[in-house]
Amino acid sequence: MAASELSAQLWKERELLELLLFKLEEEQLLLIAGKSRWISHATHEVEQVMERMRDVALARTIEVSAVAEAWGLPAEATLRELVAGAPDGIWSDIFASHLTAMTELTGQIAEVRDTNERLLREAARSTQETLSGLTGAGTETGLYGAAGESRSGDSGARLFDTEA
């Protein structure tokens, strides 16, 4: 039956979403800990999960199309439309459960992704300012005012923690 195959496909997609969330949180922990040495590995793992997600999403689209046609819905129906157009029985509840879980996971992924992007920007800015201060590049190392404008700072001695 096409509906059970679609449900199995949705489980695969949910598992990959959970793995993606895990990999993003792993990346976040590395960023917070300042372990920049491993960031490229973590990012590569995130990219691998994203590639697998594309394959699973394509397979889901095919399964959704088959179920939609069997239920008299347009072939390009969304999962939300399948839930609404499901015949009486358990499938509406099953697909609604999948939809709810996937929506929650997607929201969590977006939140962690946004935090990681912010942490990466801050790390890049800090590195750039540190390098600018070391090379004496004629600009100050970048103190910022409340409005985000650049301010001159003390260009005196710098202390670096080499133990981190």
Protein backbone atom coordinates (compact mmCIF):
# COMPACT_ATOMS: atom_id res chain seq x y z
CA MET A 1 0.00 0.00 0.00
CA ALA A 2 1.33 3.42 -0.98
CA ALA A 3 0.37 5.08 2.33
CA SER A 4 2.49 2.68 4.40
CA GLU A 5 5.44 3.19 2.04
CA LEU A 6 5.04 6.95 2.43
CA SER A 7 4.94 6.61 6.21
CA ALA A 8 8.16 4.58 6.14
CA GLN A 9 9.74 7.25 3.94
CA LEU A 10 8.65 9.97 6.37
CA TRP A 11 10.28 8.04 9.23
CA LYS A 12 13.55 8.03 7.27
CA GLU A 13 13.26 11.76 6.75
CA ARG A 14 12.54 12.36 10.43
CA GLU A 15 15.59 10.32 11.41
CA LEU A 16 17.74 12.39 9.07
CA LEU A 17 16.30 15.62 10.49
CA GLU A 18 17.23 14.43 13.98
CA LEU A 19 20.73 13.53 12.76
CA LEU A 20 21.04 16.97 11.15
CA LEU A 21 20.00 18.63 14.40
CA PHE A 22 22.58 16.55 16.28
CA LYS A 23 25.34 17.48 13.82
CA LEU A 24 24.44 21.19 14.03
CA GLU A 25 24.46 21.06 17.82
CA GLU A 26 27.81 19.28 17.68
CA GLU A 27 29.11 22.06 15.46
CA GLN A 28 27.74 24.63 17.91
CA LEU A 29 29.54 23.00 20.84
CA LEU A 30 32.80 23.15 18.91
CA LEU A 31 32.22 26.83 18.13
CA ILE A 32 31.42 27.67 21.74
CA ALA A 33 34.46 25.74 22.97
CA GLY A 34 36.67 27.54 20.48
CA LYS A 35 37.80 24.29 18.88
CA SER A 36 38.12 25.77 15.40
CA ARG A 37 40.39 22.92 14.37
CA TRP A 38 37.37 20.60 14.08
CA ILE A 39 34.84 22.99 12.56
CA SER A 40 35.59 21.95 8.99
CA HIS A 41 34.99 18.30 9.90
CA ALA A 42 31.70 19.12 11.59
CA THR A 43 30.62 21.26 8.65
CA HIS A 44 31.47 18.43 6.25
CA GLU A 45 29.31 16.06 8.30
CA VAL A 46 26.41 18.53 8.15
CA GLU A 47 26.82 18.73 4.37
CA GLN A 48 26.77 14.93 4.10
CA VAL A 49 23.48 14.76 6.01
CA MET A 50 22.06 17.51 3.78
CA GLU A 51 22.95 15.48 0.67
CA ARG A 52 21.17 12.46 2.11
CA MET A 53 18.19 14.71 2.93
CA ARG A 54 17.91 15.74 -0.73
CA ASP A 55 17.74 12.09 -1.83
CA VAL A 56 15.14 11.23 0.81
CA ALA A 57 13.08 14.32 -0.05
CA LEU A 58 12.97 13.24 -3.69
CA ALA A 59 11.81 9.75 -2.70
CA ARG A 60 9.17 11.32 -0.42
CA THR A 61 7.88 13.46 -3.28
CA ILE A 62 7.39 10.36 -5.39
CA GLU A 63 5.55 8.55 -2.57
CA VAL A 64 3.38 11.59 -1.83
CA SER A 65 2.41 11.76 -5.49
CA ALA A 66 1.35 8.09 -5.50
CA VAL A 67 -0.73 8.46 -2.33
CA ALA A 68 -2.28 11.73 -3.52
CA GLU A 69 -3.40 10.18 -6.78
CA ALA A 70 -4.81 7.14 -4.96
CA TRP A 71 -6.81 9.46 -2.70
CA GLY A 72 -8.05 11.66 -5.54
CA LEU A 73 -5.80 14.62 -4.70
CA PRO A 74 -3.48 16.53 -7.06
CA ALA A 75 -0.18 14.71 -7.63
CA GLU A 76 1.75 17.71 -6.29
CA ALA A 77 -0.15 17.73 -2.98
CA THR A 78 1.78 18.61 0.15
CA LEU A 79 1.86 16.52 3.30
CA ARG A 80 -0.50 19.03 4.92
CA GLU A 81 -2.94 18.55 2.03
CA LEU A 82 -2.65 14.77 2.39
CA VAL A 83 -3.58 15.07 6.06
CA ALA A 84 -6.63 17.16 5.15
CA GLY A 85 -7.64 14.95 2.24
CA ALA A 86 -7.00 11.54 3.82
CA PRO A 87 -9.91 9.10 3.78
CA ASP A 88 -11.52 8.21 7.08
CA GLY A 89 -9.20 6.08 9.12
CA ILE A 90 -5.83 6.14 10.78
CA TRP A 91 -3.76 7.65 7.94
CA SER A 92 -4.83 11.20 8.70
CA ASP A 93 -3.55 10.84 12.27
CA ILE A 94 -0.33 9.13 11.21
CA PHE A 95 0.52 11.75 8.62
CA ALA A 96 -0.49 14.57 10.98
CA SER A 97 1.93 13.14 13.54
CA HIS A 98 4.72 13.04 10.97
CA LEU A 99 3.93 16.61 9.91
CA THR A 100 3.97 17.90 13.49
CA ALA A 101 7.26 16.17 14.33
CA MET A 102 8.94 17.33 11.14
CA THR A 103 7.73 20.90 11.62
CA GLU A 104 9.13 20.96 15.17
CA LEU A 105 12.46 19.49 14.06
CA THR A 106 12.72 21.98 11.21
CA GLY A 107 12.15 24.87 13.64
CA GLN A 108 14.83 23.56 16.00
CA ILE A 109 17.25 23.10 13.11
CA ALA A 110 16.67 26.67 11.92
CA GLU A 111 17.28 28.01 15.43
CA VAL A 112 20.56 26.12 15.88
CA ARG A 113 21.67 27.00 12.34
CA ASP A 114 21.07 30.71 12.97
CA THR A 115 23.01 30.56 16.24
CA ASN A 116 25.90 28.77 14.51
CA GLU A 117 26.00 31.39 11.77
CA ARG A 118 26.13 34.14 14.40
CA LEU A 119 28.94 32.35 16.27
CA LEU A 120 30.90 31.89 13.04
CA ARG A 121 30.54 35.59 12.15
CA GLU A 122 31.70 36.59 15.63
CA ALA A 123 34.69 34.25 15.43
CA ALA A 124 35.64 35.57 11.99
CA ARG A 125 35.35 39.18 13.17
CA SER A 126 37.43 38.47 16.25
CA THR A 127 40.10 36.70 14.21
CA GLN A 128 40.21 39.53 11.69
CA GLU A 129 40.54 42.14 14.42
CA THR A 130 43.27 40.17 16.17
CA LEU A 131 45.23 39.75 12.95
CA SER A 132 44.78 43.41 12.11
CA GLY A 133 46.20 44.34 15.51
CA LEU A 134 49.17 42.00 15.12
CA THR A 135 50.17 43.24 11.68
CA GLY A 136 49.82 46.91 12.55
CA ALA A 137 47.62 47.45 9.52
CA GLY A 138 46.96 51.09 10.29
CA THR A 139 43.44 50.46 11.58
CA GLU A 140 42.52 49.92 15.13
CA THR A 141 41.57 46.47 16.32
CA GLY A 142 37.93 47.37 16.38
CA LEU A 143 36.13 48.50 19.43
CA TYR A 144 32.48 49.01 18.76
CA GLY A 145 30.03 51.53 20.12
CA ALA A 146 26.42 50.82 21.09
CA ALA A 147 25.23 51.53 17.54
CA GLY A 148 27.81 49.19 16.01
CA GLU A 149 30.12 51.94 14.77
CA SER A 150 33.87 51.34 14.86
CA ARG A 151 35.81 53.24 17.51
CA SER A 152 39.47 53.76 18.11
CA GLY A 153 40.89 51.76 20.95
CA ASP A 154 44.07 51.44 22.88
CA SER A 155 46.69 49.91 20.61
CA GLY A 156 48.86 48.86 23.53
CA ALA A 157 50.03 45.40 24.47
CA ARG A 158 47.92 42.33 23.75
CA LEU A 159 47.63 39.21 25.88
CA PHE A 160 46.90 35.91 24.14
CA ASP A 161 45.82 32.74 25.89
CA THR A 162 47.81 30.00 24.17
CA GLU A 163 46.42 27.30 26.43
CA ALA A 164 42.95 27.32 24.79
